[in-house]
Amino acid sequence: MRYLFKVHNDDKVDELSRYLLFWIMWRLWKGRNALVFNKNVISAREIIQLATTDTQEWIDNVIHQAKLSEETTIHRTRRDKWQPPSRGWVKCNYDASHHEGSGLQDLVG
């Protein structure tokens, strides 16, 4: 594990390789589960291909988005803070936990 983290933190190693080792371990675990529970054998070549695809998707969608978010935060100014709506308007702020429906009916079913 120390070696994995050493490689992961080494800026001289390309980004894909720094994350790939962890995704290989994940795909090995999933391959083990496929064998144990479904009697499905996944080849080493397929595990590496899947792990590489997973890693690239992770980098594209999580790592790069986090970097963009950091850059956006750095460039914000005081005027970007929340402001109340203009007179006569109602502003509704909500987060990702919003669900359609009232909630109670959905729970009671």
PDB file of N, CA and C in Angstrom:
ATOM      1  N   MET A   1       0.823  -1.180   0.000  1.00  0.00           N
ATOM      2  CA  MET A   1       0.000   0.000   0.000  1.00  0.00           C
ATOM      3  C   MET A   1       0.878   1.259   0.000  1.00  0.00           C
ATOM      4  N   ARG A   2       1.975   1.214   0.725  1.00  0.00           N
ATOM      5  CA  ARG A   2       2.868   2.377   0.736  1.00  0.00           C
ATOM      6  C   ARG A   2       3.360   2.700  -0.670  1.00  0.00           C
ATOM      7  N   TYR A   3       3.701   1.651  -1.412  1.00  0.00           N
ATOM      8  CA  TYR A   3       4.177   1.845  -2.778  1.00  0.00           C
ATOM      9  C   TYR A   3       3.086   2.486  -3.631  1.00  0.00           C
ATOM     10  N   LEU A   4       1.852   2.016  -3.493  1.00  0.00           N
ATOM     11  CA  LEU A   4       0.747   2.578  -4.268  1.00  0.00           C
ATOM     12  C   LEU A   4       0.584   4.066  -3.989  1.00  0.00           C
ATOM     13  N   PHE A   5       0.637   4.433  -2.724  1.00  0.00           N
ATOM     14  CA  PHE A   5       0.496   5.841  -2.373  1.00  0.00           C
ATOM     15  C   PHE A   5       1.716   6.662  -2.800  1.00  0.00           C
ATOM     16  N   LYS A   6       2.874   6.036  -2.767  1.00  0.00           N
ATOM     17  CA  LYS A   6       4.082   6.715  -3.227  1.00  0.00           C
ATOM     18  C   LYS A   6       3.955   7.035  -4.721  1.00  0.00           C
ATOM     19  N   VAL A   7       3.513   6.068  -5.509  1.00  0.00           N
ATOM     20  CA  VAL A   7       3.312   6.294  -6.944  1.00  0.00           C
ATOM     21  C   VAL A   7       2.217   7.335  -7.156  1.00  0.00           C
ATOM     22  N   HIS A   8       1.142   7.219  -6.403  1.00  0.00           N
ATOM     23  CA  HIS A   8       0.011   8.140  -6.548  1.00  0.00           C
ATOM     24  C   HIS A   8       0.421   9.595  -6.284  1.00  0.00           C
ATOM     25  N   ASN A   9       1.317   9.812  -5.367  1.00  0.00           N
ATOM     26  CA  ASN A   9       1.731  11.165  -5.001  1.00  0.00           C
ATOM     27  C   ASN A   9       2.932  11.683  -5.783  1.00  0.00           C
ATOM     28  N   ASP A  10       3.468  10.860  -6.681  1.00  0.00           N
ATOM     29  CA  ASP A  10       4.652  11.245  -7.456  1.00  0.00           C
ATOM     30  C   ASP A  10       4.228  12.046  -8.695  1.00  0.00           C
ATOM     31  N   ASP A  11       4.551  13.329  -8.720  1.00  0.00           N
ATOM     32  CA  ASP A  11       4.172  14.196  -9.841  1.00  0.00           C
ATOM     33  C   ASP A  11       4.897  13.848 -11.135  1.00  0.00           C
ATOM     34  N   LYS A  12       5.954  13.054 -11.043  1.00  0.00           N
ATOM     35  CA  LYS A  12       6.693  12.647 -12.241  1.00  0.00           C
ATOM     36  C   LYS A  12       5.956  11.539 -13.001  1.00  0.00           C
ATOM     37  N   VAL A  13       5.040  10.865 -12.323  1.00  0.00           N
ATOM     38  CA  VAL A  13       4.257   9.787 -12.937  1.00  0.00           C
ATOM     39  C   VAL A  13       3.027  10.426 -13.576  1.00  0.00           C
ATOM     40  N   ASP A  14       2.700   9.985 -14.804  1.00  0.00           N
ATOM     41  CA  ASP A  14       1.552  10.582 -15.482  1.00  0.00           C
ATOM     42  C   ASP A  14       0.259  10.325 -14.693  1.00  0.00           C
ATOM     43  N   GLU A  15      -0.704  11.213 -14.903  1.00  0.00           N
ATOM     44  CA  GLU A  15      -1.939  11.200 -14.115  1.00  0.00           C
ATOM     45  C   GLU A  15      -2.686   9.872 -14.206  1.00  0.00           C
ATOM     46  N   LEU A  16      -2.807   9.313 -15.400  1.00  0.00           N
ATOM     47  CA  LEU A  16      -3.516   8.040 -15.576  1.00  0.00           C
ATOM     48  C   LEU A  16      -2.879   6.946 -14.731  1.00  0.00           C
ATOM     49  N   SER A  17      -1.567   6.839 -14.762  1.00  0.00           N
ATOM     50  CA  SER A  17      -0.870   5.788 -14.010  1.00  0.00           C
ATOM     51  C   SER A  17      -1.010   5.972 -12.503  1.00  0.00           C
ATOM     52  N   ARG A  18      -1.066   7.226 -12.050  1.00  0.00           N
ATOM     53  CA  ARG A  18      -1.187   7.475 -10.605  1.00  0.00           C
ATOM     54  C   ARG A  18      -2.509   6.963 -10.050  1.00  0.00           C
ATOM     55  N   TYR A  19      -3.566   6.997 -10.855  1.00  0.00           N
ATOM     56  CA  TYR A  19      -4.876   6.529 -10.396  1.00  0.00           C
ATOM     57  C   TYR A  19      -5.165   5.079 -10.808  1.00  0.00           C
ATOM     58  N   LEU A  20      -4.535   4.634 -11.879  1.00  0.00           N
ATOM     59  CA  LEU A  20      -4.824   3.310 -12.446  1.00  0.00           C
ATOM     60  C   LEU A  20      -4.634   2.176 -11.450  1.00  0.00           C
ATOM     61  N   LEU A  21      -3.598   2.263 -10.620  1.00  0.00           N
ATOM     62  CA  LEU A  21      -3.328   1.185  -9.669  1.00  0.00           C
ATOM     63  C   LEU A  21      -4.525   0.925  -8.748  1.00  0.00           C
ATOM     64  N   PHE A  22      -5.175   1.996  -8.320  1.00  0.00           N
ATOM     65  CA  PHE A  22      -6.339   1.844  -7.435  1.00  0.00           C
ATOM     66  C   PHE A  22      -7.526   1.255  -8.180  1.00  0.00           C
ATOM     67  N   TRP A  23      -7.710   1.665  -9.428  1.00  0.00           N
ATOM     68  CA  TRP A  23      -8.825   1.132 -10.219  1.00  0.00           C
ATOM     69  C   TRP A  23      -8.583  -0.331 -10.592  1.00  0.00           C
ATOM     70  N   ILE A  24      -7.333  -0.731 -10.757  1.00  0.00           N
ATOM     71  CA  ILE A  24      -7.040  -2.149 -11.002  1.00  0.00           C
ATOM     72  C   ILE A  24      -7.463  -2.965  -9.783  1.00  0.00           C
ATOM     73  N   MET A  25      -7.133  -2.464  -8.597  1.00  0.00           N
ATOM     74  CA  MET A  25      -7.548  -3.196  -7.385  1.00  0.00           C
ATOM     75  C   MET A  25      -9.074  -3.297  -7.325  1.00  0.00           C
ATOM     76  N   TRP A  26      -9.779  -2.229  -7.661  1.00  0.00           N
ATOM     77  CA  TRP A  26     -11.249  -2.245  -7.660  1.00  0.00           C
ATOM     78  C   TRP A  26     -11.769  -3.273  -8.660  1.00  0.00           C
ATOM     79  N   ARG A  27     -11.206  -3.291  -9.857  1.00  0.00           N
ATOM     80  CA  ARG A  27     -11.657  -4.236 -10.879  1.00  0.00           C
ATOM     81  C   ARG A  27     -11.286  -5.676 -10.514  1.00  0.00           C
ATOM     82  N   LEU A  28     -10.183  -5.872  -9.839  1.00  0.00           N
ATOM     83  CA  LEU A  28      -9.849  -7.223  -9.358  1.00  0.00           C
ATOM     84  C   LEU A  28     -10.899  -7.693  -8.349  1.00  0.00           C
ATOM     85  N   TRP A  29     -11.302  -6.803  -7.458  1.00  0.00           N
ATOM     86  CA  TRP A  29     -12.333  -7.141  -6.471  1.00  0.00           C
ATOM     87  C   TRP A  29     -13.657  -7.465  -7.173  1.00  0.00           C
ATOM     88  N   LYS A  30     -14.031  -6.646  -8.149  1.00  0.00           N
ATOM     89  CA  LYS A  30     -15.269  -6.902  -8.887  1.00  0.00           C
ATOM     90  C   LYS A  30     -15.166  -8.219  -9.674  1.00  0.00           C
ATOM     91  N   GLY A  31     -13.976  -8.486 -10.221  1.00  0.00           N
ATOM     92  CA  GLY A  31     -13.768  -9.738 -10.940  1.00  0.00           C
ATOM     93  C   GLY A  31     -13.868 -10.939 -10.014  1.00  0.00           C
ATOM     94  N   ARG A  32     -13.347 -10.788  -8.826  1.00  0.00           N
ATOM     95  CA  ARG A  32     -13.460 -11.842  -7.806  1.00  0.00           C
ATOM     96  C   ARG A  32     -14.919 -12.102  -7.481  1.00  0.00           C
ATOM     97  N   ASN A  33     -15.692 -11.015  -7.287  1.00  0.00           N
ATOM     98  CA  ASN A  33     -17.117 -11.168  -6.986  1.00  0.00           C
ATOM     99  C   ASN A  33     -17.875 -11.809  -8.143  1.00  0.00           C
ATOM    100  N   ALA A  34     -17.518 -11.449  -9.375  1.00  0.00           N
ATOM    101  CA  ALA A  34     -18.162 -12.048 -10.543  1.00  0.00           C
ATOM    102  C   ALA A  34     -17.907 -13.554 -10.578  1.00  0.00           C
ATOM    103  N   LEU A  35     -16.703 -13.954 -10.204  1.00  0.00           N
ATOM    104  CA  LEU A  35     -16.367 -15.378 -10.187  1.00  0.00           C
ATOM    105  C   LEU A  35     -17.099 -16.104  -9.057  1.00  0.00           C
ATOM    106  N   VAL A  36     -17.035 -15.563  -7.856  1.00  0.00           N
ATOM    107  CA  VAL A  36     -17.623 -16.215  -6.684  1.00  0.00           C
ATOM    108  C   VAL A  36     -19.147 -16.289  -6.780  1.00  0.00           C
ATOM    109  N   PHE A  37     -19.783 -15.189  -7.158  1.00  0.00           N
ATOM    110  CA  PHE A  37     -21.242 -15.131  -7.109  1.00  0.00           C
ATOM    111  C   PHE A  37     -21.932 -15.503  -8.409  1.00  0.00           C
ATOM    112  N   ASN A  38     -21.257 -15.310  -9.545  1.00  0.00           N
ATOM    113  CA  ASN A  38     -21.903 -15.579 -10.838  1.00  0.00           C
ATOM    114  C   ASN A  38     -21.179 -16.613 -11.682  1.00  0.00           C
ATOM    115  N   LYS A  39     -20.088 -17.159 -11.150  1.00  0.00           N
ATOM    116  CA  LYS A  39     -19.270 -18.140 -11.891  1.00  0.00           C
ATOM    117  C   LYS A  39     -18.812 -17.569 -13.235  1.00  0.00           C
ATOM    118  N   ASN A  40     -18.566 -16.250 -13.258  1.00  0.00           N
ATOM    119  CA  ASN A  40     -18.152 -15.559 -14.475  1.00  0.00           C
ATOM    120  C   ASN A  40     -16.663 -15.213 -14.360  1.00  0.00           C
ATOM    121  N   VAL A  41     -15.865 -15.732 -15.277  1.00  0.00           N
ATOM    122  CA  VAL A  41     -14.427 -15.483 -15.270  1.00  0.00           C
ATOM    123  C   VAL A  41     -14.125 -14.268 -16.143  1.00  0.00           C
ATOM    124  N   ILE A  42     -13.421 -13.299 -15.566  1.00  0.00           N
ATOM    125  CA  ILE A  42     -13.015 -12.112 -16.304  1.00  0.00           C
ATOM    126  C   ILE A  42     -11.503 -12.184 -16.482  1.00  0.00           C
ATOM    127  N   SER A  43     -11.059 -12.073 -17.725  1.00  0.00           N
ATOM    128  CA  SER A  43      -9.631 -12.214 -18.012  1.00  0.00           C
ATOM    129  C   SER A  43      -8.839 -11.025 -17.471  1.00  0.00           C
ATOM    130  N   ALA A  44      -7.548 -11.257 -17.284  1.00  0.00           N
ATOM    131  CA  ALA A  44      -6.664 -10.192 -16.806  1.00  0.00           C
ATOM    132  C   ALA A  44      -6.652  -9.036 -17.800  1.00  0.00           C
ATOM    133  N   ARG A  45      -6.665  -9.354 -19.075  1.00  0.00           N
ATOM    134  CA  ARG A  45      -6.672  -8.319 -20.111  1.00  0.00           C
ATOM    135  C   ARG A  45      -7.928  -7.449 -19.989  1.00  0.00           C
ATOM    136  N   GLU A  46      -9.072  -8.089 -19.771  1.00  0.00           N
ATOM    137  CA  GLU A  46     -10.327  -7.340 -19.639  1.00  0.00           C
ATOM    138  C   GLU A  46     -10.335  -6.487 -18.368  1.00  0.00           C
ATOM    139  N   ILE A  47      -9.779  -7.025 -17.286  1.00  0.00           N
ATOM    140  CA  ILE A  47      -9.695  -6.254 -16.037  1.00  0.00           C
ATOM    141  C   ILE A  47      -8.863  -4.992 -16.254  1.00  0.00           C
ATOM    142  N   ILE A  48      -7.735  -5.117 -16.959  1.00  0.00           N
ATOM    143  CA  ILE A  48      -6.883  -3.956 -17.230  1.00  0.00           C
ATOM    144  C   ILE A  48      -7.603  -2.969 -18.132  1.00  0.00           C
ATOM    145  N   GLN A  49      -8.297  -3.453 -19.152  1.00  0.00           N
ATOM    146  CA  GLN A  49      -9.040  -2.557 -20.052  1.00  0.00           C
ATOM    147  C   GLN A  49     -10.141  -1.812 -19.300  1.00  0.00           C
ATOM    148  N   LEU A  50     -10.892  -2.532 -18.488  1.00  0.00           N
ATOM    149  CA  LEU A  50     -11.969  -1.912 -17.715  1.00  0.00           C
ATOM    150  C   LEU A  50     -11.418  -0.901 -16.711  1.00  0.00           C
ATOM    151  N   ALA A  51     -10.323  -1.274 -16.051  1.00  0.00           N
ATOM    152  CA  ALA A  51      -9.707  -0.372 -15.077  1.00  0.00           C
ATOM    153  C   ALA A  51      -9.189   0.891 -15.760  1.00  0.00           C
ATOM    154  N   THR A  52      -8.613   0.751 -16.940  1.00  0.00           N
ATOM    155  CA  THR A  52      -8.112   1.909 -17.677  1.00  0.00           C
ATOM    156  C   THR A  52      -9.263   2.830 -18.073  1.00  0.00           C
ATOM    157  N   THR A  53     -10.350   2.259 -18.546  1.00  0.00           N
ATOM    158  CA  THR A  53     -11.532   3.052 -18.901  1.00  0.00           C
ATOM    159  C   THR A  53     -12.096   3.756 -17.679  1.00  0.00           C
ATOM    160  N   ASP A  54     -12.225   3.016 -16.563  1.00  0.00           N
ATOM    161  CA  ASP A  54     -12.718   3.608 -15.316  1.00  0.00           C
ATOM    162  C   ASP A  54     -11.836   4.767 -14.871  1.00  0.00           C
ATOM    163  N   THR A  55     -10.521   4.568 -14.955  1.00  0.00           N
ATOM    164  CA  THR A  55      -9.579   5.589 -14.515  1.00  0.00           C
ATOM    165  C   THR A  55      -9.723   6.847 -15.353  1.00  0.00           C
ATOM    166  N   GLN A  56      -9.801   6.675 -16.667  1.00  0.00           N
ATOM    167  CA  GLN A  56      -9.915   7.845 -17.539  1.00  0.00           C
ATOM    168  C   GLN A  56     -11.225   8.585 -17.286  1.00  0.00           C
ATOM    169  N   GLU A  57     -12.316   7.847 -17.081  1.00  0.00           N
ATOM    170  CA  GLU A  57     -13.594   8.482 -16.764  1.00  0.00           C
ATOM    171  C   GLU A  57     -13.503   9.237 -15.436  1.00  0.00           C
ATOM    172  N   TRP A  58     -12.844   8.643 -14.457  1.00  0.00           N
ATOM    173  CA  TRP A  58     -12.671   9.280 -13.150  1.00  0.00           C
ATOM    174  C   TRP A  58     -11.899  10.597 -13.303  1.00  0.00           C
ATOM    175  N   ILE A  59     -10.806  10.536 -14.033  1.00  0.00           N
ATOM    176  CA  ILE A  59      -9.990  11.733 -14.232  1.00  0.00           C
ATOM    177  C   ILE A  59     -10.797  12.811 -14.952  1.00  0.00           C
ATOM    178  N   ASP A  60     -11.493  12.431 -16.015  1.00  0.00           N
ATOM    179  CA  ASP A  60     -12.250  13.399 -16.806  1.00  0.00           C
ATOM    180  C   ASP A  60     -13.404  14.022 -16.022  1.00  0.00           C
ATOM    181  N   ASN A  61     -14.078  13.223 -15.215  1.00  0.00           N
ATOM    182  CA  ASN A  61     -15.307  13.689 -14.578  1.00  0.00           C
ATOM    183  C   ASN A  61     -15.160  14.134 -13.139  1.00  0.00           C
ATOM    184  N   VAL A  62     -14.146  13.702 -12.452  1.00  0.00           N
ATOM    185  CA  VAL A  62     -13.999  14.085 -11.050  1.00  0.00           C
ATOM    186  C   VAL A  62     -12.789  14.984 -10.851  1.00  0.00           C
ATOM    187  N   ILE A  63     -11.642  14.521 -11.256  1.00  0.00           N
ATOM    188  CA  ILE A  63     -10.413  15.266 -11.018  1.00  0.00           C
ATOM    189  C   ILE A  63     -10.425  16.590 -11.782  1.00  0.00           C
ATOM    190  N   HIS A  64     -10.726  16.557 -13.066  1.00  0.00           N
ATOM    191  CA  HIS A  64     -10.718  17.781 -13.859  1.00  0.00           C
ATOM    192  C   HIS A  64     -11.833  18.732 -13.429  1.00  0.00           C
ATOM    193  N   GLN A  65     -12.991  18.198 -13.049  1.00  0.00           N
ATOM    194  CA  GLN A  65     -14.074  19.050 -12.560  1.00  0.00           C
ATOM    195  C   GLN A  65     -13.678  19.728 -11.255  1.00  0.00           C
ATOM    196  N   ALA A  66     -12.972  19.014 -10.392  1.00  0.00           N
ATOM    197  CA  ALA A  66     -12.514  19.608  -9.133  1.00  0.00           C
ATOM    198  C   ALA A  66     -11.534  20.744  -9.407  1.00  0.00           C
ATOM    199  N   LYS A  67     -10.659  20.553 -10.375  1.00  0.00           N
ATOM    200  CA  LYS A  67      -9.702  21.609 -10.732  1.00  0.00           C
ATOM    201  C   LYS A  67     -10.441  22.830 -11.278  1.00  0.00           C
ATOM    202  N   LEU A  68     -11.449  22.606 -12.125  1.00  0.00           N
ATOM    203  CA  LEU A  68     -12.233  23.714 -12.654  1.00  0.00           C
ATOM    204  C   LEU A  68     -12.962  24.452 -11.542  1.00  0.00           C
ATOM    205  N   SER A  69     -13.484  23.692 -10.593  1.00  0.00           N
ATOM    206  CA  SER A  69     -14.194  24.285  -9.473  1.00  0.00           C
ATOM    207  C   SER A  69     -13.252  25.153  -8.639  1.00  0.00           C
ATOM    208  N   GLU A  70     -12.035  24.684  -8.416  1.00  0.00           N
ATOM    209  CA  GLU A  70     -11.044  25.463  -7.681  1.00  0.00           C
ATOM    210  C   GLU A  70     -10.742  26.768  -8.405  1.00  0.00           C
ATOM    211  N   GLU A  71     -10.571  26.686  -9.727  1.00  0.00           N
ATOM    212  CA  GLU A  71     -10.272  27.885 -10.507  1.00  0.00           C
ATOM    213  C   GLU A  71     -11.431  28.869 -10.438  1.00  0.00           C
ATOM    214  N   THR A  72     -12.646  28.370 -10.508  1.00  0.00           N
ATOM    215  CA  THR A  72     -13.822  29.232 -10.433  1.00  0.00           C
ATOM    216  C   THR A  72     -13.888  29.912  -9.077  1.00  0.00           C
ATOM    217  N   THR A  73     -13.621  29.165  -8.016  1.00  0.00           N
ATOM    218  CA  THR A  73     -13.654  29.725  -6.668  1.00  0.00           C
ATOM    219  C   THR A  73     -12.601  30.818  -6.512  1.00  0.00           C
ATOM    220  N   ILE A  74     -11.432  30.611  -7.053  1.00  0.00           N
ATOM    221  CA  ILE A  74     -10.354  31.590  -6.949  1.00  0.00           C
ATOM    222  C   ILE A  74     -10.735  32.892  -7.647  1.00  0.00           C
ATOM    223  N   HIS A  75     -11.444  32.796  -8.768  1.00  0.00           N
ATOM    224  CA  HIS A  75     -11.793  33.971  -9.551  1.00  0.00           C
ATOM    225  C   HIS A  75     -13.055  34.691  -9.074  1.00  0.00           C
ATOM    226  N   ARG A  76     -13.705  34.183  -8.076  1.00  0.00           N
ATOM    227  CA  ARG A  76     -14.911  34.834  -7.580  1.00  0.00           C
ATOM    228  C   ARG A  76     -14.563  36.145  -6.881  1.00  0.00           C
ATOM    229  N   THR A  77     -15.493  37.052  -6.941  1.00  0.00           N
ATOM    230  CA  THR A  77     -15.326  38.324  -6.245  1.00  0.00           C
ATOM    231  C   THR A  77     -16.444  38.468  -5.232  1.00  0.00           C
ATOM    232  N   ARG A  78     -16.399  39.557  -4.471  1.00  0.00           N
ATOM    233  CA  ARG A  78     -17.422  39.772  -3.451  1.00  0.00           C
ATOM    234  C   ARG A  78     -18.817  39.860  -4.045  1.00  0.00           C
ATOM    235  N   ARG A  79     -18.958  40.341  -5.252  1.00  0.00           N
ATOM    236  CA  ARG A  79     -20.281  40.473  -5.849  1.00  0.00           C
ATOM    237  C   ARG A  79     -20.908  39.122  -6.181  1.00  0.00           C
ATOM    238  N   ASP A  80     -20.129  38.037  -6.116  1.00  0.00           N
ATOM    239  CA  ASP A  80     -20.657  36.703  -6.398  1.00  0.00           C
ATOM    240  C   ASP A  80     -21.379  36.094  -5.202  1.00  0.00           C
ATOM    241  N   LYS A  81     -21.366  36.778  -4.069  1.00  0.00           N
ATOM    242  CA  LYS A  81     -22.051  36.242  -2.892  1.00  0.00           C
ATOM    243  C   LYS A  81     -23.560  36.287  -3.110  1.00  0.00           C
ATOM    244  N   TRP A  82     -24.277  35.499  -2.330  1.00  0.00           N
ATOM    245  CA  TRP A  82     -25.728  35.448  -2.430  1.00  0.00           C
ATOM    246  C   TRP A  82     -26.318  36.820  -2.176  1.00  0.00           C
ATOM    247  N   GLN A  83     -27.314  37.157  -2.974  1.00  0.00           N
ATOM    248  CA  GLN A  83     -28.031  38.405  -2.791  1.00  0.00           C
ATOM    249  C   GLN A  83     -29.517  38.100  -2.744  1.00  0.00           C
ATOM    250  N   PRO A  84     -30.255  38.814  -1.927  1.00  0.00           N
ATOM    251  CA  PRO A  84     -31.706  38.590  -1.903  1.00  0.00           C
ATOM    252  C   PRO A  84     -32.309  38.993  -3.239  1.00  0.00           C
ATOM    253  N   PRO A  85     -33.454  38.411  -3.577  1.00  0.00           N
ATOM    254  CA  PRO A  85     -34.080  38.755  -4.864  1.00  0.00           C
ATOM    255  C   PRO A  85     -34.611  40.182  -4.853  1.00  0.00           C
ATOM    256  N   SER A  86     -34.846  40.701  -6.036  1.00  0.00           N
ATOM    257  CA  SER A  86     -35.432  42.030  -6.169  1.00  0.00           C
ATOM    258  C   SER A  86     -36.831  42.038  -5.572  1.00  0.00           C
ATOM    259  N   ARG A  87     -37.285  43.205  -5.189  1.00  0.00           N
ATOM    260  CA  ARG A  87     -38.616  43.348  -4.607  1.00  0.00           C
ATOM    261  C   ARG A  87     -39.667  42.799  -5.581  1.00  0.00           C
ATOM    262  N   GLY A  88     -40.581  41.991  -5.061  1.00  0.00           N
ATOM    263  CA  GLY A  88     -41.626  41.402  -5.893  1.00  0.00           C
ATOM    264  C   GLY A  88     -41.281  40.012  -6.414  1.00  0.00           C
ATOM    265  N   TRP A  89     -40.077  39.537  -6.162  1.00  0.00           N
ATOM    266  CA  TRP A  89     -39.648  38.217  -6.609  1.00  0.00           C
ATOM    267  C   TRP A  89     -39.435  37.316  -5.398  1.00  0.00           C
ATOM    268  N   VAL A  90     -39.636  36.025  -5.608  1.00  0.00           N
ATOM    269  CA  VAL A  90     -39.361  35.039  -4.571  1.00  0.00           C
ATOM    270  C   VAL A  90     -38.222  34.167  -5.087  1.00  0.00           C
ATOM    271  N   LYS A  91     -37.243  33.942  -4.234  1.00  0.00           N
ATOM    272  CA  LYS A  91     -36.088  33.125  -4.619  1.00  0.00           C
ATOM    273  C   LYS A  91     -36.115  31.846  -3.796  1.00  0.00           C
ATOM    274  N   CYS A  92     -36.020  30.719  -4.474  1.00  0.00           N
ATOM    275  CA  CYS A  92     -36.054  29.417  -3.799  1.00  0.00           C
ATOM    276  C   CYS A  92     -34.710  28.732  -4.013  1.00  0.00           C
ATOM    277  N   ASN A  93     -33.942  28.585  -2.959  1.00  0.00           N
ATOM    278  CA  ASN A  93     -32.656  27.885  -3.034  1.00  0.00           C
ATOM    279  C   ASN A  93     -32.847  26.464  -2.523  1.00  0.00           C
ATOM    280  N   TYR A  94     -32.304  25.507  -3.238  1.00  0.00           N
ATOM    281  CA  TYR A  94     -32.342  24.128  -2.768  1.00  0.00           C
ATOM    282  C   TYR A  94     -31.085  23.419  -3.222  1.00  0.00           C
ATOM    283  N   ASP A  95     -30.824  22.264  -2.612  1.00  0.00           N
ATOM    284  CA  ASP A  95     -29.608  21.547  -2.946  1.00  0.00           C
ATOM    285  C   ASP A  95     -29.945  20.226  -3.635  1.00  0.00           C
ATOM    286  N   ALA A  96     -28.957  19.379  -3.764  1.00  0.00           N
ATOM    287  CA  ALA A  96     -29.103  18.131  -4.503  1.00  0.00           C
ATOM    288  C   ALA A  96     -30.037  17.132  -3.832  1.00  0.00           C
ATOM    289  N   SER A  97     -30.469  17.400  -2.618  1.00  0.00           N
ATOM    290  CA  SER A  97     -31.339  16.448  -1.940  1.00  0.00           C
ATOM    291  C   SER A  97     -32.805  16.661  -2.293  1.00  0.00           C
ATOM    292  N   HIS A  98     -33.098  17.571  -3.220  1.00  0.00           N
ATOM    293  CA  HIS A  98     -34.475  17.822  -3.647  1.00  0.00           C
ATOM    294  C   HIS A  98     -35.050  16.573  -4.317  1.00  0.00           C
ATOM    295  N   HIS A  99     -36.287  16.231  -3.986  1.00  0.00           N
ATOM    296  CA  HIS A  99     -36.978  15.100  -4.597  1.00  0.00           C
ATOM    297  C   HIS A  99     -38.352  15.555  -5.057  1.00  0.00           C
ATOM    298  N   GLU A 100     -38.828  15.021  -6.155  1.00  0.00           N
ATOM    299  CA  GLU A 100     -40.171  15.330  -6.630  1.00  0.00           C
ATOM    300  C   GLU A 100     -41.189  14.786  -5.640  1.00  0.00           C
ATOM    301  N   GLY A 101     -42.323  15.411  -5.528  1.00  0.00           N
ATOM    302  CA  GLY A 101     -43.382  14.952  -4.632  1.00  0.00           C
ATOM    303  C   GLY A 101     -43.242  15.551  -3.261  1.00  0.00           C
ATOM    304  N   SER A 102     -44.225  15.285  -2.437  1.00  0.00           N
ATOM    305  CA  SER A 102     -44.238  15.885  -1.101  1.00  0.00           C
ATOM    306  C   SER A 102     -43.331  15.168  -0.125  1.00  0.00           C
ATOM    307  N   GLY A 103     -42.996  13.964  -0.430  1.00  0.00           N
ATOM    308  CA  GLY A 103     -42.118  13.206   0.469  1.00  0.00           C
ATOM    309  C   GLY A 103     -42.896  12.292   1.387  1.00  0.00           C
ATOM    310  N   LEU A 104     -43.923  12.800   2.063  1.00  0.00           N
ATOM    311  CA  LEU A 104     -44.691  11.979   2.988  1.00  0.00           C
ATOM    312  C   LEU A 104     -45.470  10.887   2.264  1.00  0.00           C
ATOM    313  N   GLN A 105     -46.104  11.249   1.167  1.00  0.00           N
ATOM    314  CA  GLN A 105     -46.855  10.251   0.405  1.00  0.00           C
ATOM    315  C   GLN A 105     -45.934   9.182  -0.154  1.00  0.00           C
ATOM    316  N   ASP A 106     -44.755   9.603  -0.578  1.00  0.00           N
ATOM    317  CA  ASP A 106     -43.783   8.653  -1.122  1.00  0.00           C
ATOM    318  C   ASP A 106     -43.334   7.654  -0.065  1.00  0.00           C
ATOM    319  N   LEU A 107     -43.202   8.116   1.175  1.00  0.00           N
ATOM    320  CA  LEU A 107     -42.754   7.236   2.254  1.00  0.00           C
ATOM    321  C   LEU A 107     -43.868   6.284   2.690  1.00  0.00           C
ATOM    322  N   VAL A 108     -45.087   6.792   2.784  1.00  0.00           N
ATOM    323  CA  VAL A 108     -46.223   5.972   3.244  1.00  0.00           C
ATOM    324  C   VAL A 108     -46.624   4.994   2.158  1.00  0.00           C
ATOM    325  N   GLY A 109     -46.569   5.437   0.908  1.00  0.00           N
ATOM    326  CA  GLY A 109     -46.805   4.613  -0.252  1.00  0.00           C
ATOM    327  C   GLY A 109     -48.174   4.145  -0.393  1.00  0.00           C
TER     328      GLY A 109
END
